[in-house]
Protein backbone atom coordinates (compact mmCIF):
# COMPACT_ATOMS: atom_id res chain seq x y z
CA UNK A 1 -8.18 24.82 -0.70
CA UNK A 2 -8.56 28.34 -1.31
CA UNK A 3 -11.30 31.30 -0.25
CA UNK A 4 -12.32 33.13 -3.71
CA UNK A 5 -15.41 35.20 -3.13
CA UNK A 6 -16.66 33.73 0.34
CA UNK A 7 -16.67 30.44 -1.39
CA UNK A 8 -13.97 28.02 -0.68
CA UNK A 9 -12.63 26.55 -3.65
CA UNK A 10 -10.63 23.59 -4.57
CA UNK A 11 -7.33 24.14 -5.67
CA UNK A 12 -4.97 21.25 -6.74
CA UNK A 13 -3.74 19.42 -9.66
CA UNK A 14 -6.89 17.91 -11.38
CA UNK A 15 -8.93 19.99 -14.34
CA UNK A 16 -12.25 18.92 -12.82
CA UNK A 17 -12.39 21.84 -9.79
CA UNK A 18 -12.95 18.97 -7.13
CA UNK A 19 -15.77 16.87 -8.38
CA UNK A 20 -15.51 14.02 -10.74
CA UNK A 21 -17.55 12.87 -13.88
CA UNK A 22 -20.07 9.86 -12.82
CA UNK A 23 -20.16 7.88 -15.66
CA UNK A 24 -23.64 6.25 -15.03
CA UNK A 25 -25.71 9.71 -14.54
CA UNK A 26 -23.52 12.63 -16.45
CA UNK A 27 -25.03 16.08 -17.01
CA UNK A 28 -21.90 17.71 -16.91
CA UNK A 29 -23.38 20.84 -14.76
CA UNK A 30 -21.48 21.99 -11.67
CA UNK A 31 -22.78 20.99 -8.33
CA UNK A 32 -22.63 24.75 -6.83
CA UNK A 33 -21.43 27.12 -9.86
CA UNK A 34 -24.13 28.23 -12.41
CA UNK A 35 -23.35 28.88 -15.86
CA UNK A 36 -20.70 26.19 -16.32
CA UNK A 37 -20.53 22.98 -17.48
CA UNK A 38 -17.79 20.24 -18.05
CA UNK A 39 -17.06 18.15 -21.06
CA UNK A 40 -17.03 15.01 -20.87
CA UNK A 41 -14.15 14.16 -23.80
CA UNK A 42 -11.78 16.63 -22.19
CA UNK A 43 -12.65 17.49 -18.70
CA UNK A 44 -12.64 21.03 -18.94
CA UNK A 45 -15.21 23.65 -18.09
CA UNK A 46 -17.35 25.71 -20.43
CA UNK A 47 -18.92 28.67 -19.61
CA UNK A 48 -22.17 30.17 -21.57
CA UNK A 49 -24.44 32.89 -20.80
CA UNK A 50 -28.45 32.76 -22.11
CA UNK A 51 -28.64 36.87 -23.42
CA UNK A 52 -32.09 38.28 -21.44
CA UNK A 53 -35.44 37.60 -23.25
CA UNK A 54 -33.83 35.90 -26.06
CA UNK A 55 -33.16 32.37 -26.86
CA UNK A 56 -29.51 33.20 -27.90
CA UNK A 57 -26.36 32.41 -25.56
CA UNK A 58 -23.39 34.01 -25.33
CA UNK A 59 -20.10 31.78 -25.09
CA UNK A 60 -17.89 32.61 -22.92
CA UNK A 61 -15.08 30.08 -23.18
CA UNK A 62 -13.19 26.87 -22.63
CA UNK A 63 -11.47 27.06 -18.96
CA UNK A 64 -8.85 24.14 -17.49
CA UNK A 65 -10.60 25.08 -13.93
CA UNK A 66 -14.47 24.87 -12.49
CA UNK A 67 -13.71 28.40 -10.67
CA UNK A 68 -12.24 30.16 -13.90
CA UNK A 69 -15.64 29.17 -15.97
CA UNK A 70 -17.24 30.33 -12.82
CA UNK A 71 -15.79 33.95 -12.54
CA UNK A 72 -16.24 34.48 -16.67
CA UNK A 73 -19.93 33.36 -16.01
CA UNK A 74 -20.12 36.24 -12.75
CA UNK A 75 -18.91 38.76 -15.32
CA UNK A 76 -21.18 38.41 -17.94
CA UNK A 77 -23.97 38.05 -15.65
CA UNK A 78 -23.20 41.88 -13.81
CA UNK A 79 -23.05 42.67 -17.68
CA UNK A 80 -26.20 41.71 -18.87
CA UNK A 81 -28.48 41.33 -15.53
CA UNK A 82 -26.81 43.69 -13.65
CA UNK A 83 -25.61 43.89 -9.88
CA UNK A 84 -28.66 41.80 -8.15
CA UNK A 85 -27.81 38.96 -10.82
CA UNK A 86 -27.17 35.62 -8.82
CA UNK A 87 -23.60 35.07 -8.74
CA UNK A 88 -20.67 32.18 -8.05
CA UNK A 89 -18.59 34.55 -6.30
CA UNK A 90 -20.88 37.43 -4.74
CA UNK A 91 -18.20 39.22 -2.56
CA UNK A 92 -15.83 39.59 -5.85
CA UNK A 93 -18.48 41.34 -7.78
CA UNK A 94 -16.59 44.98 -7.59
CA UNK A 95 -13.24 43.58 -8.34
CA UNK A 96 -14.64 41.67 -11.75
CA UNK A 97 -13.81 43.59 -14.91
CA UNK A 98 -16.48 45.58 -16.50
CA UNK A 99 -17.10 45.15 -20.03
CA UNK A 100 -17.09 48.24 -22.22
CA UNK A 101 -20.52 47.70 -23.30
CA UNK A 102 -23.05 44.80 -23.20
CA UNK A 103 -22.06 43.28 -26.86
CA UNK A 104 -20.95 39.51 -26.98
CA UNK A 105 -17.23 40.51 -28.03
CA UNK A 106 -16.73 42.92 -25.15
CA UNK A 107 -18.25 40.42 -22.64
CA UNK A 108 -16.33 37.37 -23.68
CA UNK A 109 -13.31 39.89 -23.57
CA UNK A 110 -13.98 40.67 -19.99
CA UNK A 111 -14.77 37.21 -18.88
CA UNK A 112 -11.45 36.42 -20.73
CA UNK A 113 -9.57 38.92 -18.57
CA UNK A 114 -11.17 37.74 -15.09
CA UNK A 115 -10.69 34.04 -15.86
CA UNK A 116 -7.20 34.45 -16.61
CA UNK A 117 -6.73 36.50 -13.54
CA UNK A 118 -8.30 33.61 -11.40
CA UNK A 119 -6.02 31.38 -13.45
CA UNK A 120 -3.08 33.45 -11.97
CA UNK A 121 -3.83 33.55 -8.96
CA UNK A 122 -4.15 29.96 -8.63
CA UNK A 123 -0.89 29.32 -10.18
CA UNK A 124 0.79 31.75 -7.50
CA UNK A 125 -0.63 29.89 -4.95
CA UNK A 126 0.53 27.03 -5.84
CA UNK A 127 3.59 28.30 -6.24
CA UNK A 128 3.75 30.05 -3.04
CA UNK A 129 2.86 26.41 -1.50
CA UNK A 130 4.92 24.30 -3.58
CA UNK A 131 7.86 26.71 -2.64
CA UNK A 132 6.64 26.78 1.13
CA UNK A 133 6.70 22.98 1.51
CA UNK A 134 10.33 23.02 -0.12
CA UNK A 135 11.30 25.68 2.64
CA UNK A 136 9.83 22.91 5.36
CA UNK A 137 11.38 20.18 3.63
CA UNK A 138 14.86 21.65 3.42
CA UNK A 139 14.11 22.66 6.84
CA UNK A 140 13.67 19.03 8.26
CA UNK A 141 16.41 18.01 6.52
CA UNK A 142 18.58 20.46 7.81
CA UNK A 143 16.98 20.05 11.40
CA UNK A 144 17.93 16.25 11.30
CA UNK A 145 21.70 16.72 10.39
CA UNK A 146 22.04 19.27 13.03
CA UNK A 147 19.87 17.37 15.46
CA UNK A 148 23.12 16.83 17.48
CA UNK A 149 23.62 20.96 18.01
CA UNK A 150 20.61 21.30 19.61
CA UNK A 151 20.84 18.49 22.35
CA UNK A 152 24.68 20.01 23.50
CA UNK A 153 25.58 20.87 27.04
CA UNK A 154 25.23 24.81 27.76
CA UNK A 155 26.20 25.31 31.51
CA UNK A 156 23.84 28.39 32.03
CA UNK A 157 25.55 29.04 35.88
CA UNK A 158 28.74 29.82 34.06
CA UNK A 159 27.22 32.13 31.39
CA UNK A 160 25.18 34.21 33.88
CA UNK A 161 27.59 33.78 36.66
CA UNK A 162 24.50 32.44 38.89
CA UNK A 163 27.04 31.83 42.04
CA UNK A 164 28.16 35.20 42.51
CA UNK A 165 24.80 36.82 41.44
CA UNK A 166 23.06 34.76 44.46
CA UNK A 167 25.90 36.01 46.38
CA UNK A 168 26.01 39.55 45.68
CA UNK A 169 21.98 40.15 46.09
CA UNK A 170 22.24 38.29 49.25
CA UNK A 171 25.01 40.80 50.47
CA UNK A 172 22.74 43.79 49.38
CA UNK A 173 20.09 42.32 51.43
CA UNK A 174 22.09 42.43 54.40
CA UNK A 175 23.03 45.92 54.22
CA UNK A 176 21.53 48.47 56.41
CA UNK A 177 20.20 51.70 54.88
CA UNK A 178 22.01 54.92 54.54
CA UNK A 179 21.82 57.09 57.79
CA UNK A 180 21.05 60.69 57.75
CA UNK A 181 23.31 62.50 59.79
CA UNK A 182 20.83 64.25 62.42
CA UNK A 183 21.62 66.00 65.35
CA UNK A 184 19.59 65.97 68.60
CA UNK A 185 20.02 69.31 69.61
CA UNK A 186 18.89 70.73 65.78
CA UNK A 187 15.11 69.82 66.08
CA UNK A 188 14.24 72.67 63.22
CA UNK A 189 16.39 71.26 60.33
CA UNK A 190 15.07 67.48 60.67
CA UNK A 191 11.58 68.22 59.29
CA UNK A 192 13.32 69.81 56.27
CA UNK A 193 15.72 67.46 55.79
CA UNK A 194 15.21 64.96 52.91
CA UNK A 195 17.82 63.48 50.20
CA UNK A 196 17.71 66.28 47.67
CA UNK A 197 19.08 68.84 50.49
CA UNK A 198 22.69 69.13 50.75
CA UNK A 199 22.65 72.16 52.55
């Protein structure tokens, strides 16, 4: 599970984007993302968008995950409908590529670039997770092999010389404070005498 554009997305080995088709009532549409549907035959996700005020659709591509198809739709929606378009990942709108023009070819190119970036990010997250699990597993094995090292006896009294430290502290407490050299006949110098005056 990862967060993209403020939404939690499933990252895993399946190509269905976290949803399985219902063979009895299969429409192919994703329950959360708009502008995408899943092909029943291949299980891949396709994305397309209708041009405003036209019955024509712009084909955005076929993608292995629902998130890639949803990001491709977002790029096309921003290009055709502006910043007020309903997006799948509204928090990521500023980071999406912008097509050079509103032509179908430019929108398809920008949508493919955005989907590829999401795919690369997903692959990087999966690789990092796999590395982390491998390191954790390796660490567990090393811990099991060296378990006896963790339970060895350590004599802290010997390391810190604790019996002598306590004796030295007790002796320090028993010492009387240093005395000033004061004379009873010299009452004038007593008022000016302090630790920093050596004259």
